[in-house]
Amino acid sequence: DTILSKREEMGKDIKAIVAEETLHWGIVIIDV
């Protein structure tokens, strides 16, 4: 139910994880 009703929040959580890992690669994650 959380995945179905809160897609935006799920996308923000995924973005935070990927952005942290790719920060030292010179990559900026805009959105997920």
Full PDB file with SEQRES, HELIX, SHEET, SSBOND, CRYST1, ORIGX, SCALE, CONECT and MASTER records, all heavy atoms in Angstrom:
SEQRES   1 A   32  ASP THR ILE LEU SER LYS ARG GLU GLU MET GLY LYS ASP          
SEQRES   2 A   32  ILE LYS ALA ILE VAL ALA GLU GLU THR LEU HIS TRP GLY          
SEQRES   3 A   32  ILE VAL ILE ILE ASP VAL                                      
HELIX    1 AA1 THR A    2  SER A    5  1                                   4    
HELIX    2 AA2 ARG A    7  THR A   22  1                                  16    
HELIX    3 AA3 LEU A   23  TRP A   25  5                                   3    
CRYST1    1.000    1.000    1.000  90.00  90.00  90.00 P 1           1          
ORIGX1      1.000000  0.000000  0.000000        0.00000                         
ORIGX2      0.000000  1.000000  0.000000        0.00000                         
ORIGX3      0.000000  0.000000  1.000000        0.00000                         
SCALE1      1.000000  0.000000  0.000000        0.00000                         
SCALE2      0.000000  1.000000  0.000000        0.00000                         
SCALE3      0.000000  0.000000  1.000000        0.00000                         
ATOM      1  N   ASP A   1       0.830  -1.214   0.000  1.00  0.00           N  
ATOM      2  CA  ASP A   1       0.000   0.000   0.000  1.00  0.00           C  
ATOM      3  C   ASP A   1       0.861   1.259   0.000  1.00  0.00           C  
ATOM      4  O   ASP A   1       0.508   2.269  -0.628  1.00  0.00           O  
ATOM      5  CB  ASP A   1      -0.938   0.005   1.209  1.00  0.00           C  
ATOM      6  CG  ASP A   1      -2.027  -1.044   1.090  1.00  0.00           C  
ATOM      7  OD1 ASP A   1      -2.259  -1.526  -0.039  1.00  0.00           O  
ATOM      8  OD2 ASP A   1      -2.641  -1.400   2.119  1.00  0.00           O  
ATOM      9  N   THR A   2       1.987   1.213   0.693  1.00  0.00           N  
ATOM     10  CA  THR A   2       2.889   2.369   0.728  1.00  0.00           C  
ATOM     11  C   THR A   2       3.508   2.615  -0.642  1.00  0.00           C  
ATOM     12  O   THR A   2       3.616   3.767  -1.093  1.00  0.00           O  
ATOM     13  CB  THR A   2       3.999   2.148   1.766  1.00  0.00           C  
ATOM     14  OG1 THR A   2       3.407   1.920   3.050  1.00  0.00           O  
ATOM     15  CG2 THR A   2       4.911   3.363   1.857  1.00  0.00           C  
ATOM     16  N   ILE A   3       3.903   1.555  -1.328  1.00  0.00           N  
ATOM     17  CA  ILE A   3       4.490   1.708  -2.661  1.00  0.00           C  
ATOM     18  C   ILE A   3       3.470   2.293  -3.628  1.00  0.00           C  
ATOM     19  O   ILE A   3       3.785   3.167  -4.442  1.00  0.00           O  
ATOM     20  CB  ILE A   3       5.002   0.353  -3.174  1.00  0.00           C  
ATOM     21  CG1 ILE A   3       6.099  -0.183  -2.253  1.00  0.00           C  
ATOM     22  CG2 ILE A   3       5.530   0.479  -4.603  1.00  0.00           C  
ATOM     23  CD1 ILE A   3       6.596  -1.558  -2.634  1.00  0.00           C  
ATOM     24  N   LEU A   4       2.225   1.821  -3.547  1.00  0.00           N  
ATOM     25  CA  LEU A   4       1.195   2.275  -4.482  1.00  0.00           C  
ATOM     26  C   LEU A   4       0.786   3.721  -4.231  1.00  0.00           C  
ATOM     27  O   LEU A   4       0.478   4.453  -5.173  1.00  0.00           O  
ATOM     28  CB  LEU A   4      -0.030   1.362  -4.379  1.00  0.00           C  
ATOM     29  CG  LEU A   4       0.169  -0.091  -4.836  1.00  0.00           C  
ATOM     30  CD1 LEU A   4      -1.083  -0.907  -4.565  1.00  0.00           C  
ATOM     31  CD2 LEU A   4       0.544  -0.160  -6.302  1.00  0.00           C  
ATOM     32  N   SER A   5       0.757   4.127  -2.969  1.00  0.00           N  
ATOM     33  CA  SER A   5       0.244   5.461  -2.637  1.00  0.00           C  
ATOM     34  C   SER A   5       1.333   6.512  -2.465  1.00  0.00           C  
ATOM     35  O   SER A   5       1.052   7.709  -2.489  1.00  0.00           O  
ATOM     36  CB  SER A   5      -0.580   5.392  -1.342  1.00  0.00           C  
ATOM     37  OG  SER A   5       0.218   4.940  -0.259  1.00  0.00           O  
ATOM     38  N   LYS A   6       2.594   6.095  -2.310  1.00  0.00           N  
ATOM     39  CA  LYS A   6       3.670   7.049  -2.044  1.00  0.00           C  
ATOM     40  C   LYS A   6       4.850   6.822  -2.985  1.00  0.00           C  
ATOM     41  O   LYS A   6       5.990   6.620  -2.563  1.00  0.00           O  
ATOM     42  CB  LYS A   6       4.127   6.947  -0.587  1.00  0.00           C  
ATOM     43  CG  LYS A   6       3.029   7.284   0.414  1.00  0.00           C  
ATOM     44  CD  LYS A   6       3.536   7.212   1.843  1.00  0.00           C  
ATOM     45  CE  LYS A   6       2.428   7.572   2.833  1.00  0.00           C  
ATOM     46  NZ  LYS A   6       2.914   7.517   4.237  1.00  0.00           N  
ATOM     47  N   ARG A   7       4.569   6.868  -4.274  1.00  0.00           N  
ATOM     48  CA  ARG A   7       5.627   6.663  -5.259  1.00  0.00           C  
ATOM     49  C   ARG A   7       6.681   7.760  -5.203  1.00  0.00           C  
ATOM     50  O   ARG A   7       7.878   7.503  -5.378  1.00  0.00           O  
ATOM     51  CB  ARG A   7       5.024   6.601  -6.666  1.00  0.00           C  
ATOM     52  CG  ARG A   7       4.139   5.393  -6.932  1.00  0.00           C  
ATOM     53  CD  ARG A   7       3.811   5.296  -8.410  1.00  0.00           C  
ATOM     54  NE  ARG A   7       2.918   4.190  -8.694  1.00  0.00           N  
ATOM     55  CZ  ARG A   7       2.635   3.765  -9.921  1.00  0.00           C  
ATOM     56  NH1 ARG A   7       3.172   4.395 -10.958  1.00  0.00           N  
ATOM     57  NH2 ARG A   7       1.825   2.743 -10.112  1.00  0.00           N  
ATOM     58  N   GLU A   8       6.236   8.989  -4.974  1.00  0.00           N  
ATOM     59  CA  GLU A   8       7.178  10.108  -4.926  1.00  0.00           C  
ATOM     60  C   GLU A   8       8.188   9.928  -3.802  1.00  0.00           C  
ATOM     61  O   GLU A   8       9.390  10.157  -3.982  1.00  0.00           O  
ATOM     62  CB  GLU A   8       6.415  11.419  -4.748  1.00  0.00           C  
ATOM     63  CG  GLU A   8       5.627  11.871  -5.974  1.00  0.00           C  
ATOM     64  CD  GLU A   8       6.507  12.263  -7.135  1.00  0.00           C  
ATOM     65  OE1 GLU A   8       7.667  12.667  -6.887  1.00  0.00           O  
ATOM     66  OE2 GLU A   8       6.057  12.152  -8.288  1.00  0.00           O  
ATOM     67  N   GLU A   9       7.695   9.494  -2.642  1.00  0.00           N  
ATOM     68  CA  GLU A   9       8.597   9.290  -1.512  1.00  0.00           C  
ATOM     69  C   GLU A   9       9.567   8.143  -1.783  1.00  0.00           C  
ATOM     70  O   GLU A   9      10.755   8.207  -1.428  1.00  0.00           O  
ATOM     71  CB  GLU A   9       7.786   9.023  -0.249  1.00  0.00           C  
ATOM     72  CG  GLU A   9       6.952  10.207   0.212  1.00  0.00           C  
ATOM     73  CD  GLU A   9       6.229   9.933   1.510  1.00  0.00           C  
ATOM     74  OE1 GLU A   9       6.533   8.889   2.144  1.00  0.00           O  
ATOM     75  OE2 GLU A   9       5.369  10.739   1.894  1.00  0.00           O  
ATOM     76  N   MET A  10       9.075   7.069  -2.427  1.00  0.00           N  
ATOM     77  CA  MET A  10       9.947   5.957  -2.769  1.00  0.00           C  
ATOM     78  C   MET A  10      11.042   6.426  -3.742  1.00  0.00           C  
ATOM     79  O   MET A  10      12.211   6.053  -3.601  1.00  0.00           O  
ATOM     80  CB  MET A  10       9.143   4.831  -3.410  1.00  0.00           C  
ATOM     81  CG  MET A  10       8.070   4.197  -2.530  1.00  0.00           C  
ATOM     82  SD  MET A  10       8.747   3.328  -1.096  1.00  0.00           S  
ATOM     83  CE  MET A  10       8.469   4.567   0.187  1.00  0.00           C  
ATOM     84  N   GLY A  11      10.659   7.242  -4.719  1.00  0.00           N  
ATOM     85  CA  GLY A  11      11.636   7.768  -5.667  1.00  0.00           C  
ATOM     86  C   GLY A  11      12.693   8.630  -4.989  1.00  0.00           C  
ATOM     87  O   GLY A  11      13.879   8.563  -5.333  1.00  0.00           O  
ATOM     88  N   LYS A  12      12.277   9.443  -4.020  1.00  0.00           N  
ATOM     89  CA  LYS A  12      13.229  10.292  -3.304  1.00  0.00           C  
ATOM     90  C   LYS A  12      14.212   9.455  -2.486  1.00  0.00           C  
ATOM     91  O   LYS A  12      15.399   9.784  -2.401  1.00  0.00           O  
ATOM     92  CB  LYS A  12      12.477  11.260  -2.395  1.00  0.00           C  
ATOM     93  CG  LYS A  12      11.711  12.342  -3.154  1.00  0.00           C  
ATOM     94  CD  LYS A  12      10.964  13.261  -2.203  1.00  0.00           C  
ATOM     95  CE  LYS A  12      10.191  14.331  -2.959  1.00  0.00           C  
ATOM     96  NZ  LYS A  12       9.431  15.217  -2.045  1.00  0.00           N  
ATOM     97  N   ASP A  13      13.720   8.363  -1.877  1.00  0.00           N  
ATOM     98  CA  ASP A  13      14.609   7.486  -1.106  1.00  0.00           C  
ATOM     99  C   ASP A  13      15.637   6.811  -2.015  1.00  0.00           C  
ATOM    100  O   ASP A  13      16.826   6.703  -1.666  1.00  0.00           O  
ATOM    101  CB  ASP A  13      13.785   6.432  -0.369  1.00  0.00           C  
ATOM    102  CG  ASP A  13      12.914   7.038   0.721  1.00  0.00           C  
ATOM    103  OD1 ASP A  13      13.213   8.173   1.155  1.00  0.00           O  
ATOM    104  OD2 ASP A  13      11.927   6.401   1.138  1.00  0.00           O  
ATOM    105  N   ILE A  14      15.189   6.351  -3.175  1.00  0.00           N  
ATOM    106  CA  ILE A  14      16.118   5.729  -4.124  1.00  0.00           C  
ATOM    107  C   ILE A  14      17.136   6.751  -4.615  1.00  0.00           C  
ATOM    108  O   ILE A  14      18.334   6.463  -4.728  1.00  0.00           O  
ATOM    109  CB  ILE A  14      15.337   5.126  -5.313  1.00  0.00           C  
ATOM    110  CG1 ILE A  14      14.402   4.024  -4.821  1.00  0.00           C  
ATOM    111  CG2 ILE A  14      16.298   4.574  -6.355  1.00  0.00           C  
ATOM    112  CD1 ILE A  14      13.455   3.506  -5.872  1.00  0.00           C  
ATOM    113  N   LYS A  15      16.669   7.966  -4.904  1.00  0.00           N  
ATOM    114  CA  LYS A  15      17.570   9.025  -5.355  1.00  0.00           C  
ATOM    115  C   LYS A  15      18.652   9.313  -4.321  1.00  0.00           C  
ATOM    116  O   LYS A  15      19.827   9.489  -4.672  1.00  0.00           O  
ATOM    117  CB  LYS A  15      16.767  10.297  -5.637  1.00  0.00           C  
ATOM    118  CG  LYS A  15      17.621  11.512  -5.949  1.00  0.00           C  
ATOM    119  CD  LYS A  15      16.784  12.784  -6.036  1.00  0.00           C  
ATOM    120  CE  LYS A  15      17.664  14.004  -6.187  1.00  0.00           C  
ATOM    121  NZ  LYS A  15      16.859  15.261  -6.212  1.00  0.00           N  
ATOM    122  N   ALA A  16      18.283   9.363  -3.045  1.00  0.00           N  
ATOM    123  CA  ALA A  16      19.255   9.664  -1.993  1.00  0.00           C  
ATOM    124  C   ALA A  16      20.352   8.604  -1.938  1.00  0.00           C  
ATOM    125  O   ALA A  16      21.543   8.921  -1.778  1.00  0.00           O  
ATOM    126  CB  ALA A  16      18.541   9.765  -0.647  1.00  0.00           C  
ATOM    127  N   ILE A  17      19.961   7.340  -2.090  1.00  0.00           N  
ATOM    128  CA  ILE A  17      20.955   6.261  -2.041  1.00  0.00           C  
ATOM    129  C   ILE A  17      21.900   6.337  -3.230  1.00  0.00           C  
ATOM    130  O   ILE A  17      23.125   6.264  -3.082  1.00  0.00           O  
ATOM    131  CB  ILE A  17      20.236   4.896  -2.001  1.00  0.00           C  
ATOM    132  CG1 ILE A  17      19.430   4.761  -0.707  1.00  0.00           C  
ATOM    133  CG2 ILE A  17      21.246   3.765  -2.122  1.00  0.00           C  
ATOM    134  CD1 ILE A  17      18.590   3.501  -0.638  1.00  0.00           C  
ATOM    135  N   VAL A  18      21.345   6.496  -4.439  1.00  0.00           N  
ATOM    136  CA  VAL A  18      22.183   6.544  -5.641  1.00  0.00           C  
ATOM    137  C   VAL A  18      23.057   7.794  -5.651  1.00  0.00           C  
ATOM    138  O   VAL A  18      24.230   7.741  -6.038  1.00  0.00           O  
ATOM    139  CB  VAL A  18      21.296   6.486  -6.906  1.00  0.00           C  
ATOM    140  CG1 VAL A  18      22.156   6.566  -8.157  1.00  0.00           C  
ATOM    141  CG2 VAL A  18      20.462   5.212  -6.924  1.00  0.00           C  
ATOM    142  N   ALA A  19      22.514   8.931  -5.225  1.00  0.00           N  
ATOM    143  CA  ALA A  19      23.283  10.177  -5.216  1.00  0.00           C  
ATOM    144  C   ALA A  19      24.482  10.090  -4.282  1.00  0.00           C  
ATOM    145  O   ALA A  19      25.565  10.603  -4.590  1.00  0.00           O  
ATOM    146  CB  ALA A  19      22.378  11.340  -4.819  1.00  0.00           C  
ATOM    147  N   GLU A  20      24.300   9.448  -3.141  1.00  0.00           N  
ATOM    148  CA  GLU A  20      25.410   9.321  -2.189  1.00  0.00           C  
ATOM    149  C   GLU A  20      26.539   8.466  -2.766  1.00  0.00           C  
ATOM    150  O   GLU A  20      27.719   8.756  -2.563  1.00  0.00           O  
ATOM    151  CB  GLU A  20      24.894   8.706  -0.889  1.00  0.00           C  
ATOM    152  CG  GLU A  20      25.950   8.578   0.186  1.00  0.00           C  
ATOM    153  CD  GLU A  20      25.397   8.001   1.480  1.00  0.00           C  
ATOM    154  OE1 GLU A  20      24.177   7.707   1.521  1.00  0.00           O  
ATOM    155  OE2 GLU A  20      26.165   7.829   2.432  1.00  0.00           O  
ATOM    156  N   GLU A  21      26.180   7.401  -3.484  1.00  0.00           N  
ATOM    157  CA  GLU A  21      27.185   6.504  -4.030  1.00  0.00           C  
ATOM    158  C   GLU A  21      27.927   7.117  -5.223  1.00  0.00           C  
ATOM    159  O   GLU A  21      29.100   6.818  -5.457  1.00  0.00           O  
ATOM    160  CB  GLU A  21      26.526   5.187  -4.461  1.00  0.00           C  
ATOM    161  CG  GLU A  21      25.929   4.381  -3.318  1.00  0.00           C  
ATOM    162  CD  GLU A  21      26.980   3.832  -2.385  1.00  0.00           C  
ATOM    163  OE1 GLU A  21      28.132   3.636  -2.835  1.00  0.00           O  
ATOM    164  OE2 GLU A  21      26.669   3.589  -1.202  1.00  0.00           O  
ATOM    165  N   THR A  22      27.246   7.953  -5.995  1.00  0.00           N  
ATOM    166  CA  THR A  22      27.844   8.495  -7.221  1.00  0.00           C  
ATOM    167  C   THR A  22      28.447   9.886  -7.038  1.00  0.00           C  
ATOM    168  O   THR A  22      28.913  10.479  -8.015  1.00  0.00           O  
ATOM    169  CB  THR A  22      26.777   8.563  -8.336  1.00  0.00           C  
ATOM    170  OG1 THR A  22      25.684   9.390  -7.892  1.00  0.00           O  
ATOM    171  CG2 THR A  22      26.248   7.180  -8.664  1.00  0.00           C  
ATOM    172  N   LEU A  23      28.422  10.394  -5.827  1.00  0.00           N  
ATOM    173  CA  LEU A  23      28.908  11.761  -5.591  1.00  0.00           C  
ATOM    174  C   LEU A  23      30.371  11.915  -5.974  1.00  0.00           C  
ATOM    175  O   LEU A  23      30.767  12.904  -6.596  1.00  0.00           O  
ATOM    176  CB  LEU A  23      28.698  12.134  -4.122  1.00  0.00           C  
ATOM    177  CG  LEU A  23      29.077  13.561  -3.732  1.00  0.00           C  
ATOM    178  CD1 LEU A  23      28.225  14.566  -4.506  1.00  0.00           C  
ATOM    179  CD2 LEU A  23      28.910  13.768  -2.230  1.00  0.00           C  
ATOM    180  N   HIS A  24      31.215  10.924  -5.617  1.00  0.00           N  
ATOM    181  CA  HIS A  24      32.650  11.028  -5.922  1.00  0.00           C  
ATOM    182  C   HIS A  24      32.969  10.645  -7.367  1.00  0.00           C  
ATOM    183  O   HIS A  24      34.138  10.621  -7.758  1.00  0.00           O  
ATOM    184  CB  HIS A  24      33.459  10.134  -4.965  1.00  0.00           C  
ATOM    185  CG  HIS A  24      33.122   8.671  -5.065  1.00  0.00           C  
ATOM    186  ND1 HIS A  24      31.993   8.135  -4.494  1.00  0.00           N  
ATOM    187  CD2 HIS A  24      33.758   7.662  -5.704  1.00  0.00           C  
ATOM    188  CE1 HIS A  24      31.955   6.838  -4.749  1.00  0.00           C  
ATOM    189  NE2 HIS A  24      33.005   6.526  -5.481  1.00  0.00           N  
ATOM    190  N   TRP A  25      31.951  10.358  -8.162  1.00  0.00           N  
ATOM    191  CA  TRP A  25      32.162  10.106  -9.591  1.00  0.00           C  
ATOM    192  C   TRP A  25      31.934  11.364 -10.432  1.00  0.00           C  
ATOM    193  O   TRP A  25      32.066  11.309 -11.652  1.00  0.00           O  
ATOM    194  CB  TRP A  25      31.216   9.016 -10.092  1.00  0.00           C  
ATOM    195  CG  TRP A  25      31.431   7.681  -9.475  1.00  0.00           C  
ATOM    196  CD1 TRP A  25      32.494   7.287  -8.714  1.00  0.00           C  
ATOM    197  CD2 TRP A  25      30.557   6.558  -9.558  1.00  0.00           C  
ATOM    198  NE1 TRP A  25      32.339   5.979  -8.311  1.00  0.00           N  
ATOM    199  CE2 TRP A  25      31.156   5.506  -8.819  1.00  0.00           C  
ATOM    200  CE3 TRP A  25      29.340   6.334 -10.184  1.00  0.00           C  
ATOM    201  CZ2 TRP A  25      30.565   4.259  -8.703  1.00  0.00           C  
ATOM    202  CZ3 TRP A  25      28.750   5.089 -10.063  1.00  0.00           C  
ATOM    203  CH2 TRP A  25      29.360   4.063  -9.338  1.00  0.00           C  
ATOM    204  N   GLY A  26      31.566  12.456  -9.806  1.00  0.00           N  
ATOM    205  CA  GLY A  26      31.267  13.668 -10.547  1.00  0.00           C  
ATOM    206  C   GLY A  26      29.913  13.623 -11.228  1.00  0.00           C  
ATOM    207  O   GLY A  26      29.695  14.305 -12.226  1.00  0.00           O  
ATOM    208  N   ILE A  27      28.992  12.838 -10.656  1.00  0.00           N  
ATOM    209  CA  ILE A  27      27.651  12.672 -11.223  1.00  0.00           C  
ATOM    210  C   ILE A  27      26.632  13.334 -10.295  1.00  0.00           C  
ATOM    211  O   ILE A  27      26.706  13.185  -9.070  1.00  0.00           O  
ATOM    212  CB  ILE A  27      27.287  11.187 -11.403  1.00  0.00           C  
ATOM    213  CG1 ILE A  27      28.355  10.478 -12.246  1.00  0.00           C  
ATOM    214  CG2 ILE A  27      25.911  11.031 -12.019  1.00  0.00           C  
ATOM    215  CD1 ILE A  27      28.434  10.940 -13.672  1.00  0.00           C  
ATOM    216  N   VAL A  28      25.673  14.051 -10.871  1.00  0.00           N  
ATOM    217  CA  VAL A  28      24.588  14.660 -10.105  1.00  0.00           C  
ATOM    218  C   VAL A  28      23.286  13.945 -10.480  1.00  0.00           C  
ATOM    219  O   VAL A  28      22.869  13.969 -11.644  1.00  0.00           O  
ATOM    220  CB  VAL A  28      24.467  16.169 -10.400  1.00  0.00           C  
ATOM    221  CG1 VAL A  28      23.256  16.751  -9.666  1.00  0.00           C  
ATOM    222  CG2 VAL A  28      25.738  16.887  -9.990  1.00  0.00           C  
ATOM    223  N   ILE A  29      22.661  13.294  -9.488  1.00  0.00           N  
ATOM    224  CA  ILE A  29      21.381  12.624  -9.709  1.00  0.00           C  
ATOM    225  C   ILE A  29      20.278  13.663  -9.574  1.00  0.00           C  
ATOM    226  O   ILE A  29      20.084  14.236  -8.499  1.00  0.00           O  
ATOM    227  CB  ILE A  29      21.174  11.471  -8.712  1.00  0.00           C  
ATOM    228  CG1 ILE A  29      22.346  10.495  -8.777  1.00  0.00           C  
ATOM    229  CG2 ILE A  29      19.859  10.761  -9.001  1.00  0.00           C  
ATOM    230  CD1 ILE A  29      22.520   9.828 -10.112  1.00  0.00           C  
ATOM    231  N   ILE A  30      19.540  13.886 -10.652  1.00  0.00           N  
ATOM    232  CA  ILE A  30      18.503  14.914 -10.649  1.00  0.00           C  
ATOM    233  C   ILE A  30      17.207  14.390 -10.055  1.00  0.00           C  
ATOM    234  O   ILE A  30      16.582  15.024  -9.203  1.00  0.00           O  
ATOM    235  CB  ILE A  30      18.275  15.446 -12.080  1.00  0.00           C  
ATOM    236  CG1 ILE A  30      19.558  16.094 -12.586  1.00  0.00           C  
ATOM    237  CG2 ILE A  30      17.110  16.430 -12.111  1.00  0.00           C  
ATOM    238  CD1 ILE A  30      19.482  16.528 -14.028  1.00  0.00           C  
ATOM    239  N   ASP A  31      16.787  13.211 -10.485  1.00  0.00           N  
ATOM    240  CA  ASP A  31      15.526  12.672  -9.978  1.00  0.00           C  
ATOM    241  C   ASP A  31      15.441  11.180 -10.303  1.00  0.00           C  
ATOM    242  O   ASP A  31      16.103  10.690 -11.230  1.00  0.00           O  
ATOM    243  CB  ASP A  31      14.333  13.399 -10.590  1.00  0.00           C  
ATOM    244  CG  ASP A  31      13.064  13.254  -9.755  1.00  0.00           C  
ATOM    245  OD1 ASP A  31      13.121  12.598  -8.706  1.00  0.00           O  
ATOM    246  OD2 ASP A  31      12.021  13.807 -10.157  1.00  0.00           O  
ATOM    247  N   VAL A  32      14.619  10.489  -9.518  1.00  0.00           N  
ATOM    248  CA  VAL A  32      14.313   9.070  -9.756  1.00  0.00           C  
ATOM    249  C   VAL A  32      12.803   8.909  -9.658  1.00  0.00           C  
ATOM    250  O   VAL A  32      12.193   9.335  -8.675  1.00  0.00           O  
ATOM    251  CB  VAL A  32      15.013   8.151  -8.735  1.00  0.00           C  
ATOM    252  CG1 VAL A  32      14.612   6.701  -8.976  1.00  0.00           C  
ATOM    253  CG2 VAL A  32      16.525   8.291  -8.828  1.00  0.00           C  
TER     254      VAL A  32                                                      
MASTER        0    0    0    3    0    0    0    6  253    1    0    3          
END                                                                             
